[in-house]
PDB file of N, CA and C in Angstrom:
ATOM      1  N   TRP A   1       0.738  -1.336   0.082  1.00  0.00           N
ATOM      2  CA  TRP A   1      -0.069   0.218   0.012  1.00  0.00           C
ATOM      3  C   TRP A   1       0.838   1.214  -0.157  1.00  0.00           C
ATOM      4  N   SER A   2       0.278   2.335  -0.457  1.00  0.00           N
ATOM      5  CA  SER A   2       1.065   3.719  -0.910  1.00  0.00           C
ATOM      6  C   SER A   2      -0.165   4.669  -0.718  1.00  0.00           C
ATOM      7  N   ILE A   3       0.315   5.658   0.111  1.00  0.00           N
ATOM      8  CA  ILE A   3      -0.642   6.900   0.270  1.00  0.00           C
ATOM      9  C   ILE A   3      -0.538   7.801  -1.053  1.00  0.00           C
ATOM     10  N   LEU A   4      -1.395   7.866  -1.913  1.00  0.00           N
ATOM     11  CA  LEU A   4      -1.766   8.629  -2.816  1.00  0.00           C
ATOM     12  C   LEU A   4      -2.335  10.269  -2.450  1.00  0.00           C
ATOM     13  N   PRO A   5      -2.124  11.362  -3.296  1.00  0.00           N
ATOM     14  CA  PRO A   5      -2.316  12.579  -3.242  1.00  0.00           C
ATOM     15  C   PRO A   5      -3.714  12.506  -2.811  1.00  0.00           C
ATOM     16  N   PRO A   6      -4.408  13.644  -2.085  1.00  0.00           N
ATOM     17  CA  PRO A   6      -5.738  13.777  -1.564  1.00  0.00           C
ATOM     18  C   PRO A   6      -6.593  14.460  -2.917  1.00  0.00           C
ATOM     19  N   MET A   7      -7.940  13.856  -2.797  1.00  0.00           N
ATOM     20  CA  MET A   7      -8.504  14.245  -3.726  1.00  0.00           C
ATOM     21  C   MET A   7      -9.135  15.594  -3.667  1.00  0.00           C
ATOM     22  N   ILE A   8      -9.574  16.511  -4.747  1.00  0.00           N
ATOM     23  CA  ILE A   8      -9.787  17.715  -4.931  1.00  0.00           C
ATOM     24  C   ILE A   8     -10.603  17.973  -3.475  1.00  0.00           C
ATOM     25  N   LYS A   9     -11.726  17.430  -3.444  1.00  0.00           N
ATOM     26  CA  LYS A   9     -12.772  17.371  -2.075  1.00  0.00           C
ATOM     27  C   LYS A   9     -13.294  16.263  -1.702  1.00  0.00           C
ATOM     28  N   ALA A  10     -12.722  16.028  -0.446  1.00  0.00           N
ATOM     29  CA  ALA A  10     -12.887  14.726   0.292  1.00  0.00           C
ATOM     30  C   ALA A  10     -14.315  14.493   0.141  1.00  0.00           C
ATOM     31  N   ARG A  11     -14.778  13.171  -0.009  1.00  0.00           N
ATOM     32  CA  ARG A  11     -16.041  12.324   0.025  1.00  0.00           C
ATOM     33  C   ARG A  11     -16.231  11.308   0.533  1.00  0.00           C
ATOM     34  N   TYR A  12     -17.376  10.486   0.715  1.00  0.00           N
ATOM     35  CA  TYR A  12     -17.491   9.251   0.848  1.00  0.00           C
ATOM     36  C   TYR A  12     -18.545   8.432   0.606  1.00  0.00           C
ATOM     37  N   HIS A  13     -18.853   7.220   0.562  1.00  0.00           N
ATOM     38  CA  HIS A  13     -20.385   6.864  -0.017  1.00  0.00           C
ATOM     39  C   HIS A  13     -20.484   6.938  -1.356  1.00  0.00           C
ATOM     40  N   HIS A  14     -18.930   7.265  -2.464  1.00  0.00           N
ATOM     41  CA  HIS A  14     -18.646   6.883  -3.555  1.00  0.00           C
ATOM     42  C   HIS A  14     -18.630   5.828  -4.349  1.00  0.00           C
ATOM     43  N   ALA A  15     -18.513   5.806  -5.672  1.00  0.00           N
ATOM     44  CA  ALA A  15     -18.270   4.822  -6.372  1.00  0.00           C
ATOM     45  C   ALA A  15     -16.681   4.896  -7.100  1.00  0.00           C
ATOM     46  N   SER A  16     -15.834   4.262  -6.933  1.00  0.00           N
ATOM     47  CA  SER A  16     -14.564   4.181  -7.600  1.00  0.00           C
ATOM     48  C   SER A  16     -14.487   3.031  -8.366  1.00  0.00           C
ATOM     49  N   ILE A  17     -13.451   3.333  -9.995  1.00  0.00           N
ATOM     50  CA  ILE A  17     -12.976   2.484 -10.454  1.00  0.00           C
ATOM     51  C   ILE A  17     -11.758   2.879 -11.157  1.00  0.00           C
ATOM     52  N   TYR A  18     -11.118   2.314 -11.705  1.00  0.00           N
ATOM     53  CA  TYR A  18      -9.400   2.054 -12.133  1.00  0.00           C
ATOM     54  C   TYR A  18      -9.874   1.758 -13.873  1.00  0.00           C
ATOM     55  N   HIS A  19      -9.337   2.821 -14.460  1.00  0.00           N
ATOM     56  CA  HIS A  19      -9.342   2.308 -16.220  1.00  0.00           C
ATOM     57  C   HIS A  19      -8.267   3.523 -16.578  1.00  0.00           C
ATOM     58  N   ASN A  20      -7.586   2.725 -17.821  1.00  0.00           N
ATOM     59  CA  ASN A  20      -6.790   3.535 -18.835  1.00  0.00           C
ATOM     60  C   ASN A  20      -5.837   4.662 -17.829  1.00  0.00           C
ATOM     61  N   SER A  21      -5.187   4.130 -16.720  1.00  0.00           N
ATOM     62  CA  SER A  21      -4.089   4.738 -15.664  1.00  0.00           C
ATOM     63  C   SER A  21      -4.893   5.642 -15.292  1.00  0.00           C
ATOM     64  N   HIS A  22      -6.213   5.840 -15.080  1.00  0.00           N
ATOM     65  CA  HIS A  22      -6.747   6.633 -14.226  1.00  0.00           C
ATOM     66  C   HIS A  22      -7.738   6.242 -12.994  1.00  0.00           C
ATOM     67  N   LEU A  23      -7.477   6.679 -11.338  1.00  0.00           N
ATOM     68  CA  LEU A  23      -8.705   6.347 -10.952  1.00  0.00           C
ATOM     69  C   LEU A  23      -9.881   7.031 -10.705  1.00  0.00           C
ATOM     70  N   TYR A  24     -10.772   6.615 -11.196  1.00  0.00           N
ATOM     71  CA  TYR A  24     -12.004   7.572 -11.012  1.00  0.00           C
ATOM     72  C   TYR A  24     -12.673   7.524  -9.765  1.00  0.00           C
ATOM     73  N   SER A  25     -13.465   8.824  -9.303  1.00  0.00           N
ATOM     74  CA  SER A  25     -14.333   8.389  -8.066  1.00  0.00           C
ATOM     75  C   SER A  25     -15.515   9.250  -8.857  1.00  0.00           C
ATOM     76  N   PHE A  26     -16.622   8.575  -8.575  1.00  0.00           N
ATOM     77  CA  PHE A  26     -18.104   9.302  -8.893  1.00  0.00           C
ATOM     78  C   PHE A  26     -19.031   9.308  -7.506  1.00  0.00           C
ATOM     79  N   GLY A  27     -19.674  10.716  -7.486  1.00  0.00           N
ATOM     80  CA  GLY A  27     -20.637  10.940  -6.596  1.00  0.00           C
ATOM     81  C   GLY A  27     -20.193  10.989  -5.095  1.00  0.00           C
ATOM     82  N   GLY A  28     -21.327  10.394  -4.281  1.00  0.00           N
ATOM     83  CA  GLY A  28     -21.085  10.234  -3.194  1.00  0.00           C
ATOM     84  C   GLY A  28     -21.642  11.351  -2.106  1.00  0.00           C
ATOM     85  N   MET A  29     -20.866  11.465  -0.950  1.00  0.00           N
ATOM     86  CA  MET A  29     -21.322  12.423   0.226  1.00  0.00           C
ATOM     87  C   MET A  29     -20.432  13.218   0.378  1.00  0.00           C
ATOM     88  N   PHE A  30     -20.451  14.421   0.695  1.00  0.00           N
ATOM     89  CA  PHE A  30     -19.294  15.613   1.348  1.00  0.00           C
ATOM     90  C   PHE A  30     -19.490  15.425   2.781  1.00  0.00           C
ATOM     91  N   PRO A  31     -18.318  15.727   3.566  1.00  0.00           N
ATOM     92  CA  PRO A  31     -18.902  15.841   4.927  1.00  0.00           C
ATOM     93  C   PRO A  31     -19.578  16.382   5.435  1.00  0.00           C
ATOM     94  N   ASP A  32     -20.460  17.231   4.870  1.00  0.00           N
ATOM     95  CA  ASP A  32     -21.310  18.277   5.904  1.00  0.00           C
ATOM     96  C   ASP A  32     -22.709  17.344   5.381  1.00  0.00           C
ATOM     97  N   ILE A  33     -22.631  15.951   4.854  1.00  0.00           N
ATOM     98  CA  ILE A  33     -23.728  15.414   4.687  1.00  0.00           C
ATOM     99  C   ILE A  33     -24.435  15.605   3.097  1.00  0.00           C
ATOM    100  N   SER A  34     -24.090  16.507   2.374  1.00  0.00           N
ATOM    101  CA  SER A  34     -25.005  16.940   1.099  1.00  0.00           C
ATOM    102  C   SER A  34     -24.378  15.886  -0.034  1.00  0.00           C
ATOM    103  N   LEU A  35     -25.278  15.138  -1.155  1.00  0.00           N
ATOM    104  CA  LEU A  35     -24.902  14.501  -1.754  1.00  0.00           C
ATOM    105  C   LEU A  35     -24.383  15.288  -3.408  1.00  0.00           C
ATOM    106  N   THR A  36     -23.347  14.564  -3.836  1.00  0.00           N
ATOM    107  CA  THR A  36     -22.960  15.339  -4.688  1.00  0.00           C
ATOM    108  C   THR A  36     -22.855  14.404  -6.241  1.00  0.00           C
ATOM    109  N   ALA A  37     -22.464  15.070  -7.271  1.00  0.00           N
ATOM    110  CA  ALA A  37     -22.589  14.826  -8.630  1.00  0.00           C
ATOM    111  C   ALA A  37     -21.085  14.651  -9.331  1.00  0.00           C
ATOM    112  N   SER A  38     -20.400  15.332  -8.367  1.00  0.00           N
ATOM    113  CA  SER A  38     -19.003  15.438  -8.905  1.00  0.00           C
ATOM    114  C   SER A  38     -18.232  14.312  -9.256  1.00  0.00           C
ATOM    115  N   VAL A  39     -17.272  14.480 -10.039  1.00  0.00           N
ATOM    116  CA  VAL A  39     -16.324  13.244 -10.858  1.00  0.00           C
ATOM    117  C   VAL A  39     -15.038  13.952 -11.020  1.00  0.00           C
ATOM    118  N   GLU A  40     -14.004  13.055 -10.210  1.00  0.00           N
ATOM    119  CA  GLU A  40     -12.891  13.320 -10.200  1.00  0.00           C
ATOM    120  C   GLU A  40     -11.812  12.051 -10.744  1.00  0.00           C
ATOM    121  N   ALA A  41     -10.569  12.437 -11.514  1.00  0.00           N
ATOM    122  CA  ALA A  41     -10.048  11.320 -11.582  1.00  0.00           C
ATOM    123  C   ALA A  41      -8.764  11.756 -11.492  1.00  0.00           C
ATOM    124  N   LEU A  42      -7.754  10.553 -10.827  1.00  0.00           N
ATOM    125  CA  LEU A  42      -6.349  10.766 -10.657  1.00  0.00           C
ATOM    126  C   LEU A  42      -5.736   9.946 -11.393  1.00  0.00           C
ATOM    127  N   ASN A  43      -4.975  10.752 -12.347  1.00  0.00           N
ATOM    128  CA  ASN A  43      -3.798  10.550 -13.339  1.00  0.00           C
ATOM    129  C   ASN A  43      -2.807   9.785 -12.600  1.00  0.00           C
ATOM    130  N   MET A  44      -2.625   8.717 -12.459  1.00  0.00           N
ATOM    131  CA  MET A  44      -1.669   7.624 -12.127  1.00  0.00           C
ATOM    132  C   MET A  44      -0.507   7.727 -12.816  1.00  0.00           C
ATOM    133  N   LYS A  45      -0.070   8.324 -13.714  1.00  0.00           N
ATOM    134  CA  LYS A  45       1.150   8.313 -14.149  1.00  0.00           C
ATOM    135  C   LYS A  45       1.864   9.914 -13.418  1.00  0.00           C
ATOM    136  N   THR A  46       0.727  10.943 -13.242  1.00  0.00           N
ATOM    137  CA  THR A  46       1.385  12.219 -12.977  1.00  0.00           C
ATOM    138  C   THR A  46       0.690  12.544 -11.496  1.00  0.00           C
ATOM    139  N   LEU A  47      -0.008  11.620 -11.022  1.00  0.00           N
ATOM    140  CA  LEU A  47      -0.448  11.634  -9.764  1.00  0.00           C
ATOM    141  C   LEU A  47      -1.186  12.868  -9.347  1.00  0.00           C
ATOM    142  N   GLU A  48      -2.072  13.738 -10.616  1.00  0.00           N
ATOM    143  CA  GLU A  48      -2.673  14.788 -10.171  1.00  0.00           C
ATOM    144  C   GLU A  48      -4.180  14.687 -10.436  1.00  0.00           C
ATOM    145  N   TRP A  49      -4.896  15.224  -9.722  1.00  0.00           N
ATOM    146  CA  TRP A  49      -6.387  15.043  -9.735  1.00  0.00           C
ATOM    147  C   TRP A  49      -7.020  15.860 -10.862  1.00  0.00           C
ATOM    148  N   SER A  50      -7.872  15.630 -11.132  1.00  0.00           N
ATOM    149  CA  SER A  50      -8.886  16.714 -12.579  1.00  0.00           C
ATOM    150  C   SER A  50     -10.308  16.591 -11.921  1.00  0.00           C
ATOM    151  N   GLN A  51     -10.769  17.411 -11.930  1.00  0.00           N
ATOM    152  CA  GLN A  51     -12.353  17.481 -11.888  1.00  0.00           C
ATOM    153  C   GLN A  51     -12.978  17.298 -13.427  1.00  0.00           C
ATOM    154  N   LEU A  52     -13.748  16.476 -13.496  1.00  0.00           N
ATOM    155  CA  LEU A  52     -14.528  16.103 -14.805  1.00  0.00           C
ATOM    156  C   LEU A  52     -16.075  15.978 -14.619  1.00  0.00           C
ATOM    157  N   SER A  53     -16.443  16.228 -15.824  1.00  0.00           N
ATOM    158  CA  SER A  53     -17.654  16.662 -16.117  1.00  0.00           C
ATOM    159  C   SER A  53     -18.662  15.677 -15.242  1.00  0.00           C
ATOM    160  N   PRO A  54     -19.868  16.219 -14.067  1.00  0.00           N
ATOM    161  CA  PRO A  54     -20.292  15.910 -13.033  1.00  0.00           C
ATOM    162  C   PRO A  54     -21.247  14.531 -13.834  1.00  0.00           C
ATOM    163  N   LEU A  55     -21.628  13.671 -12.788  1.00  0.00           N
ATOM    164  CA  LEU A  55     -22.858  12.864 -13.307  1.00  0.00           C
ATOM    165  C   LEU A  55     -23.948  13.684 -13.543  1.00  0.00           C
ATOM    166  N   PRO A  56     -25.239  13.017 -14.269  1.00  0.00           N
ATOM    167  CA  PRO A  56     -26.269  13.686 -14.411  1.00  0.00           C
ATOM    168  C   PRO A  56     -27.208  14.093 -13.193  1.00  0.00           C
ATOM    169  N   LEU A  57     -27.030  13.439 -12.124  1.00  0.00           N
ATOM    170  CA  LEU A  57     -27.554  13.775 -11.012  1.00  0.00           C
ATOM    171  C   LEU A  57     -26.775  13.238  -9.639  1.00  0.00           C
ATOM    172  N   ALA A  58     -26.807  14.080  -8.506  1.00  0.00           N
ATOM    173  CA  ALA A  58     -26.185  13.532  -7.190  1.00  0.00           C
ATOM    174  C   ALA A  58     -26.585  12.260  -6.906  1.00  0.00           C
ATOM    175  N   LEU A  59     -25.347  11.498  -6.731  1.00  0.00           N
ATOM    176  CA  LEU A  59     -25.536  10.152  -6.491  1.00  0.00           C
ATOM    177  C   LEU A  59     -25.048   9.400  -5.254  1.00  0.00           C
ATOM    178  N   THR A  60     -25.314   8.709  -4.162  1.00  0.00           N
ATOM    179  CA  THR A  60     -24.684   8.366  -3.200  1.00  0.00           C
ATOM    180  C   THR A  60     -24.818   6.773  -3.094  1.00  0.00           C
ATOM    181  N   ASN A  61     -23.932   5.984  -2.848  1.00  0.00           N
ATOM    182  CA  ASN A  61     -23.953   4.543  -2.753  1.00  0.00           C
ATOM    183  C   ASN A  61     -23.867   3.932  -3.872  1.00  0.00           C
ATOM    184  N   CYS A  62     -23.729   4.743  -5.012  1.00  0.00           N
ATOM    185  CA  CYS A  62     -23.727   4.098  -6.563  1.00  0.00           C
ATOM    186  C   CYS A  62     -22.682   2.944  -6.788  1.00  0.00           C
ATOM    187  N   LEU A  63     -22.838   2.399  -8.065  1.00  0.00           N
ATOM    188  CA  LEU A  63     -21.814   1.460  -8.432  1.00  0.00           C
ATOM    189  C   LEU A  63     -20.961   1.894  -9.812  1.00  0.00           C
ATOM    190  N   ALA A  64     -19.870   1.629  -9.960  1.00  0.00           N
ATOM    191  CA  ALA A  64     -19.362   1.748 -11.232  1.00  0.00           C
ATOM    192  C   ALA A  64     -18.605   0.577 -11.779  1.00  0.00           C
ATOM    193  N   VAL A  65     -18.919   0.151 -13.004  1.00  0.00           N
ATOM    194  CA  VAL A  65     -18.360  -0.556 -13.697  1.00  0.00           C
ATOM    195  C   VAL A  65     -17.704  -0.463 -15.187  1.00  0.00           C
ATOM    196  N   CYS A  66     -16.445  -1.239 -15.626  1.00  0.00           N
ATOM    197  CA  CYS A  66     -15.823  -0.928 -16.715  1.00  0.00           C
ATOM    198  C   CYS A  66     -16.041  -2.275 -17.590  1.00  0.00           C
ATOM    199  N   ALA A  67     -17.322  -2.037 -18.746  1.00  0.00           N
ATOM    200  CA  ALA A  67     -17.648  -3.002 -19.404  1.00  0.00           C
ATOM    201  C   ALA A  67     -17.139  -2.761 -21.225  1.00  0.00           C
ATOM    202  N   SER A  68     -16.714  -3.728 -22.185  1.00  0.00           N
ATOM    203  CA  SER A  68     -16.388  -3.143 -23.031  1.00  0.00           C
ATOM    204  C   SER A  68     -15.511  -1.823 -23.309  1.00  0.00           C
ATOM    205  N   ASN A  69     -14.486  -1.443 -22.306  1.00  0.00           N
ATOM    206  CA  ASN A  69     -13.674  -0.415 -22.453  1.00  0.00           C
ATOM    207  C   ASN A  69     -14.760   0.865 -22.256  1.00  0.00           C
ATOM    208  N   LYS A  70     -15.744   0.984 -21.791  1.00  0.00           N
ATOM    209  CA  LYS A  70     -16.487   1.989 -21.260  1.00  0.00           C
ATOM    210  C   LYS A  70     -17.176   2.039 -19.736  1.00  0.00           C
ATOM    211  N   LEU A  71     -17.167   3.185 -19.341  1.00  0.00           N
ATOM    212  CA  LEU A  71     -17.226   3.498 -17.815  1.00  0.00           C
ATOM    213  C   LEU A  71     -19.048   3.742 -17.983  1.00  0.00           C
ATOM    214  N   PHE A  72     -19.603   3.147 -16.721  1.00  0.00           N
ATOM    215  CA  PHE A  72     -20.795   3.104 -16.163  1.00  0.00           C
ATOM    216  C   PHE A  72     -21.244   3.260 -14.885  1.00  0.00           C
ATOM    217  N   VAL A  73     -21.746   3.936 -14.526  1.00  0.00           N
ATOM    218  CA  VAL A  73     -22.463   4.234 -13.034  1.00  0.00           C
ATOM    219  C   VAL A  73     -23.862   3.946 -13.267  1.00  0.00           C
ATOM    220  N   PHE A  74     -24.270   3.210 -12.171  1.00  0.00           N
ATOM    221  CA  PHE A  74     -25.807   3.047 -11.832  1.00  0.00           C
ATOM    222  C   PHE A  74     -26.104   2.720 -10.524  1.00  0.00           C
ATOM    223  N   SER A  75     -27.493   2.810 -10.271  1.00  0.00           N
ATOM    224  CA  SER A  75     -27.728   2.055  -8.975  1.00  0.00           C
ATOM    225  C   SER A  75     -27.577   3.361  -7.953  1.00  0.00           C
ATOM    226  N   GLY A  76     -27.613   3.293  -6.428  1.00  0.00           N
ATOM    227  CA  GLY A  76     -27.191   4.137  -6.055  1.00  0.00           C
ATOM    228  C   GLY A  76     -28.705   4.942  -5.015  1.00  0.00           C
ATOM    229  N   ILE A  77     -28.605   6.051  -4.151  1.00  0.00           N
ATOM    230  CA  ILE A  77     -29.669   7.101  -3.741  1.00  0.00           C
ATOM    231  C   ILE A  77     -29.620   8.262  -4.219  1.00  0.00           C
ATOM    232  N   ASP A  78     -30.049   9.034  -4.616  1.00  0.00           N
ATOM    233  CA  ASP A  78     -30.487  10.292  -5.136  1.00  0.00           C
ATOM    234  C   ASP A  78     -30.898  11.445  -4.111  1.00  0.00           C
ATOM    235  N   SER A  79     -30.689  12.516  -4.419  1.00  0.00           N
ATOM    236  CA  SER A  79     -30.982  13.479  -3.527  1.00  0.00           C
ATOM    237  C   SER A  79     -32.080  13.652  -2.327  1.00  0.00           C
ATOM    238  N   SER A  80     -33.167  12.944  -3.250  1.00  0.00           N
ATOM    239  CA  SER A  80     -34.312  12.935  -2.263  1.00  0.00           C
ATOM    240  C   SER A  80     -34.520  11.557  -1.730  1.00  0.00           C
ATOM    241  N   CYS A  81     -33.395  11.004  -1.614  1.00  0.00           N
ATOM    242  CA  CYS A  81     -33.611   9.704  -0.808  1.00  0.00           C
ATOM    243  C   CYS A  81     -34.202   8.477  -1.343  1.00  0.00           C
ATOM    244  N   THR A  82     -34.360   8.491  -2.640  1.00  0.00           N
ATOM    245  CA  THR A  82     -34.650   7.688  -3.503  1.00  0.00           C
ATOM    246  C   THR A  82     -33.866   6.633  -4.460  1.00  0.00           C
ATOM    247  N   PRO A  83     -34.235   5.243  -4.348  1.00  0.00           N
ATOM    248  CA  PRO A  83     -33.255   4.405  -4.753  1.00  0.00           C
ATOM    249  C   PRO A  83     -33.151   4.854  -6.444  1.00  0.00           C
ATOM    250  N   SER A  84     -31.685   5.084  -7.281  1.00  0.00           N
ATOM    251  CA  SER A  84     -32.025   5.368  -8.673  1.00  0.00           C
ATOM    252  C   SER A  84     -31.956   3.905  -9.200  1.00  0.00           C
ATOM    253  N   ARG A  85     -32.990   4.253 -10.380  1.00  0.00           N
ATOM    254  CA  ARG A  85     -32.406   2.687 -11.295  1.00  0.00           C
ATOM    255  C   ARG A  85     -32.124   3.230 -12.553  1.00  0.00           C
ATOM    256  N   GLY A  86     -31.598   4.649 -12.600  1.00  0.00           N
ATOM    257  CA  GLY A  86     -30.692   5.048 -13.817  1.00  0.00           C
ATOM    258  C   GLY A  86     -29.081   4.298 -14.320  1.00  0.00           C
ATOM    259  N   VAL A  87     -28.887   4.321 -15.535  1.00  0.00           N
ATOM    260  CA  VAL A  87     -27.968   3.901 -15.760  1.00  0.00           C
ATOM    261  C   VAL A  87     -27.047   4.860 -16.719  1.00  0.00           C
ATOM    262  N   HIS A  88     -25.515   5.043 -16.440  1.00  0.00           N
ATOM    263  CA  HIS A  88     -25.260   6.643 -16.809  1.00  0.00           C
ATOM    264  C   HIS A  88     -23.797   6.186 -17.351  1.00  0.00           C
ATOM    265  N   HIS A  89     -23.663   6.523 -18.605  1.00  0.00           N
ATOM    266  CA  HIS A  89     -22.534   5.998 -19.588  1.00  0.00           C
ATOM    267  C   HIS A  89     -21.578   7.504 -19.348  1.00  0.00           C
ATOM    268  N   TYR A  90     -20.164   7.221 -19.128  1.00  0.00           N
ATOM    269  CA  TYR A  90     -19.156   8.474 -19.280  1.00  0.00           C
ATOM    270  C   TYR A  90     -18.161   7.984 -20.106  1.00  0.00           C
ATOM    271  N   ASP A  91     -18.199   8.744 -21.066  1.00  0.00           N
ATOM    272  CA  ASP A  91     -17.160   8.917 -22.198  1.00  0.00           C
ATOM    273  C   ASP A  91     -16.175   9.321 -21.708  1.00  0.00           C
ATOM    274  N   SER A  92     -15.165   9.201 -21.584  1.00  0.00           N
ATOM    275  CA  SER A  92     -13.813   9.494 -21.130  1.00  0.00           C
ATOM    276  C   SER A  92     -13.226  10.304 -22.276  1.00  0.00           C
ATOM    277  N   PRO A  93     -12.990  10.071 -23.345  1.00  0.00           N
ATOM    278  CA  PRO A  93     -12.457  10.936 -24.179  1.00  0.00           C
ATOM    279  C   PRO A  93     -13.348  12.283 -24.360  1.00  0.00           C
ATOM    280  N   LEU A  94     -14.146  12.494 -24.539  1.00  0.00           N
ATOM    281  CA  LEU A  94     -15.119  13.616 -24.699  1.00  0.00           C
ATOM    282  C   LEU A  94     -15.530  14.123 -23.149  1.00  0.00           C
ATOM    283  N   ASN A  95     -15.512  13.531 -21.951  1.00  0.00           N
ATOM    284  CA  ASN A  95     -15.765  14.158 -20.822  1.00  0.00           C
ATOM    285  C   ASN A  95     -17.614  14.237 -20.723  1.00  0.00           C
ATOM    286  N   THR A  96     -18.161  13.515 -21.143  1.00  0.00           N
ATOM    287  CA  THR A  96     -19.496  13.513 -21.371  1.00  0.00           C
ATOM    288  C   THR A  96     -20.253  12.381 -20.925  1.00  0.00           C
ATOM    289  N   TRP A  97     -21.276  12.746 -20.441  1.00  0.00           N
ATOM    290  CA  TRP A  97     -22.296  11.644 -19.959  1.00  0.00           C
ATOM    291  C   TRP A  97     -23.702  11.184 -20.816  1.00  0.00           C
ATOM    292  N   ARG A  98     -24.066  10.017 -20.896  1.00  0.00           N
ATOM    293  CA  ARG A  98     -25.049   9.607 -21.218  1.00  0.00           C
ATOM    294  C   ARG A  98     -25.825   8.860 -20.711  1.00  0.00           C
ATOM    295  N   SER A  99     -27.509   9.087 -20.578  1.00  0.00           N
ATOM    296  CA  SER A  99     -27.983   8.540 -19.874  1.00  0.00           C
ATOM    297  C   SER A  99     -29.157   7.306 -20.349  1.00  0.00           C
TER     298      SER A  99
END
């Protein structure tokens, strides 16, 4: 184990996944207990964090998966405390989302 640089903004109950030399962090909750749609990525070659295009909606306890070289975020709880049924595809080269 080794300690990596801290995120731009601390969070918990987020989804994380490693893909193409980047560690992605999707959504979650900030220490003030507010939900976030924020997305950050740590470039594992430069060890620098970047703020990316936010999720289409704020989610906590969501899941992330890489399938067919594509990133997906799904499930979780939205800001109205409702379970999310949405599936969101992140296009990393374009830094855009599609639901």
